[in-house]
Amino acid sequence: MIMEIGIVAGEIWHYLDDKESATEDELIKRLKRPREFVLMSLGWLAREGHVTLRALEGGYVATLNQK
């Protein structure tokens, strides 16, 4: 499971690198990944400081942090 979370985290990072920000629903739809893996991967990326999550009504928007 850890490997799958890491793979999805990489896919999210690449997607956000192109789009700058996206909702969790957009990520799930575009990456065609289960909601659970997208959320766990977003948590991983947020914990590592790679993305910022902002709460929306009914979900989140992820934005890639530029260093």
Protein backbone atom coordinates (compact mmCIF):
# COMPACT_ATOMS: atom_id res chain seq x y z
CA MET A 1 0.00 0.00 0.00
CA ILE A 2 2.83 2.45 0.79
CA MET A 3 4.22 1.98 -2.71
CA GLU A 4 0.83 2.74 -4.29
CA ILE A 5 0.44 5.88 -2.15
CA GLY A 6 3.89 7.01 -3.29
CA ILE A 7 3.06 6.38 -6.94
CA VAL A 8 -0.19 8.34 -6.68
CA ALA A 9 1.67 11.15 -4.84
CA GLY A 10 4.05 11.37 -7.79
CA GLU A 11 1.14 11.49 -10.23
CA ILE A 12 -0.48 14.27 -8.19
CA TRP A 13 2.78 16.22 -8.07
CA HIS A 14 3.16 16.01 -11.87
CA TYR A 15 -0.48 16.98 -12.41
CA LEU A 16 -0.16 19.99 -10.11
CA ASP A 17 3.13 20.95 -11.75
CA ASP A 18 1.16 21.36 -15.00
CA LYS A 19 -2.07 22.81 -13.56
CA GLU A 20 -0.79 24.61 -10.40
CA SER A 21 -3.87 23.68 -8.34
CA ALA A 22 -6.75 21.19 -8.40
CA THR A 23 -9.63 19.99 -6.27
CA GLU A 24 -9.57 16.51 -4.82
CA ASP A 25 -12.49 15.56 -7.10
CA GLU A 26 -10.57 16.79 -10.15
CA LEU A 27 -7.53 14.73 -9.14
CA ILE A 28 -9.63 11.61 -8.61
CA LYS A 29 -11.32 12.05 -12.00
CA ARG A 30 -8.20 12.96 -14.02
CA LEU A 31 -5.83 10.43 -12.43
CA LYS A 32 -8.48 7.68 -12.34
CA ARG A 33 -7.38 6.66 -8.84
CA PRO A 34 -9.48 5.65 -5.81
CA ARG A 35 -10.46 8.52 -3.51
CA GLU A 36 -8.70 6.87 -0.56
CA PHE A 37 -5.34 6.78 -2.36
CA VAL A 38 -5.67 10.37 -3.57
CA LEU A 39 -6.45 11.58 -0.04
CA MET A 40 -3.62 9.59 1.54
CA SER A 41 -1.22 10.83 -1.13
CA LEU A 42 -2.31 14.44 -0.64
CA GLY A 43 -1.70 14.03 3.08
CA TRP A 44 1.77 12.69 2.39
CA LEU A 45 2.58 15.57 0.04
CA ALA A 46 1.20 18.12 2.52
CA ARG A 47 3.20 16.63 5.40
CA GLU A 48 6.38 16.80 3.30
CA GLY A 49 5.65 20.44 2.43
CA HIS A 50 5.13 19.85 -1.29
CA VAL A 51 1.49 20.98 -1.41
CA THR A 52 -0.80 23.30 0.47
CA LEU A 53 -4.36 22.15 1.10
CA ARG A 54 -7.19 24.65 1.42
CA ALA A 55 -10.62 23.56 2.62
CA LEU A 56 -13.59 24.14 0.36
CA GLU A 57 -17.20 23.34 0.99
CA GLY A 58 -17.26 19.58 0.53
CA GLY A 59 -13.56 19.06 -0.23
CA TYR A 60 -10.10 20.50 -0.67
CA VAL A 61 -7.99 22.36 -3.21
CA ALA A 62 -4.35 21.33 -3.48
CA THR A 63 -1.73 23.79 -4.65
CA LEU A 64 1.85 22.86 -5.43
CA ASN A 65 4.37 24.74 -3.30
CA GLN A 66 7.18 26.30 -5.30
CA LYS A 67 10.55 26.35 -3.58
